[in-house]
């Protein structure tokens, strides 16, 4: 990581190398995601429990968004609402 920081610092003014590094990072992430999906797709245990995992993910997402909205509403009412 330190080597990456140092190289990034040294090439920060070279736009061509930065664009190349950005493309390489995107391609690497896409390849990683592909192989993760490939591994998950051939694992029968994970594929069998996918509906339950999806339901759990949905519940956690809805709960997180709902909690954030309620807390934002509370903060707005306590600190930003004008007195009537």
Protein backbone atom coordinates (compact mmCIF):
# COMPACT_ATOMS: atom_id res chain seq x y z
CA UNK A 1 0.00 0.00 0.00
CA UNK A 2 2.82 2.39 0.84
CA UNK A 3 4.41 1.74 -2.54
CA UNK A 4 1.10 2.53 -4.25
CA UNK A 5 0.77 5.79 -2.32
CA UNK A 6 4.32 6.76 -3.25
CA UNK A 7 3.84 5.94 -6.93
CA UNK A 8 0.51 7.78 -6.97
CA UNK A 9 2.15 10.80 -5.41
CA UNK A 10 4.97 10.75 -7.96
CA UNK A 11 2.73 10.43 -11.04
CA UNK A 12 -0.08 12.72 -9.86
CA UNK A 13 0.70 15.29 -12.54
CA UNK A 14 0.84 12.77 -15.41
CA UNK A 15 -2.75 12.61 -16.66
CA UNK A 16 -2.07 9.81 -19.13
CA UNK A 17 -0.71 7.46 -16.46
CA UNK A 18 -3.57 8.34 -14.11
CA UNK A 19 -6.15 7.49 -16.79
CA UNK A 20 -4.34 4.21 -17.46
CA UNK A 21 -4.29 3.37 -13.75
CA UNK A 22 -8.02 4.18 -13.48
CA UNK A 23 -8.82 1.83 -16.37
CA UNK A 24 -6.68 -0.90 -14.86
CA UNK A 25 -8.47 -0.57 -11.52
CA UNK A 26 -11.91 -0.77 -13.19
CA UNK A 27 -10.91 -3.83 -15.23
CA UNK A 28 -9.45 -5.52 -12.15
CA UNK A 29 -12.65 -4.90 -10.16
CA UNK A 30 -14.79 -6.26 -12.99
CA UNK A 31 -12.64 -9.41 -13.25
CA UNK A 32 -12.81 -9.86 -9.48
CA UNK A 33 -16.61 -9.50 -9.51
CA UNK A 34 -16.86 -11.99 -12.38
CA UNK A 35 -14.84 -14.62 -10.53
CA UNK A 36 -16.74 -14.02 -7.30
CA UNK A 37 -19.99 -14.58 -9.18
CA UNK A 38 -18.53 -17.66 -10.87
CA UNK A 39 -17.50 -19.11 -7.51
CA UNK A 40 -20.87 -18.35 -5.92
CA UNK A 41 -22.73 -19.76 -8.92
CA UNK A 42 -21.05 -23.14 -8.70
CA UNK A 43 -21.48 -23.52 -4.92
CA UNK A 44 -24.74 -25.43 -4.35
CA UNK A 45 -24.94 -24.44 -0.67
CA UNK A 46 -24.86 -20.72 -1.44
CA UNK A 47 -27.19 -21.06 -4.43
CA UNK A 48 -29.66 -23.01 -2.28
CA UNK A 49 -29.70 -20.35 0.41
CA UNK A 50 -29.80 -17.39 -1.99
CA UNK A 51 -33.52 -16.64 -1.45
CA UNK A 52 -32.98 -16.45 2.32
CA UNK A 53 -29.87 -14.29 1.87
CA UNK A 54 -31.80 -12.00 -0.47
CA UNK A 55 -34.65 -11.64 1.99
CA UNK A 56 -32.23 -10.84 4.80
CA UNK A 57 -30.48 -8.25 2.61
CA UNK A 58 -33.84 -6.68 1.71
CA UNK A 59 -34.92 -6.46 5.35
CA UNK A 60 -31.61 -4.91 6.42
CA UNK A 61 -31.71 -2.40 3.55
CA UNK A 62 -35.28 -1.31 4.23
CA UNK A 63 -34.57 -1.05 7.97
CA UNK A 64 -31.44 1.02 7.35
CA UNK A 65 -33.14 3.44 4.96
CA UNK A 66 -36.19 3.76 7.20
CA UNK A 67 -34.06 4.43 10.27
CA UNK A 68 -32.03 7.04 8.41
CA UNK A 69 -35.16 8.80 7.19
CA UNK A 70 -36.72 8.84 10.65
CA UNK A 71 -33.57 10.16 12.26
CA UNK A 72 -33.23 12.85 9.55
CA UNK A 73 -36.85 13.88 10.17
CA UNK A 74 -36.22 14.08 13.89
CA UNK A 75 -33.08 16.19 13.43
CA UNK A 76 -34.93 18.47 11.01
CA UNK A 77 -37.80 18.96 13.44
CA UNK A 78 -35.49 19.61 16.40
CA UNK A 79 -32.90 21.89 14.78
CA UNK A 80 -34.09 23.30 11.47
CA UNK A 81 -37.83 23.80 11.74
CA UNK A 82 -38.82 27.40 12.29
CA UNK A 83 -40.87 28.16 15.38
CA UNK A 84 -44.56 28.59 14.71
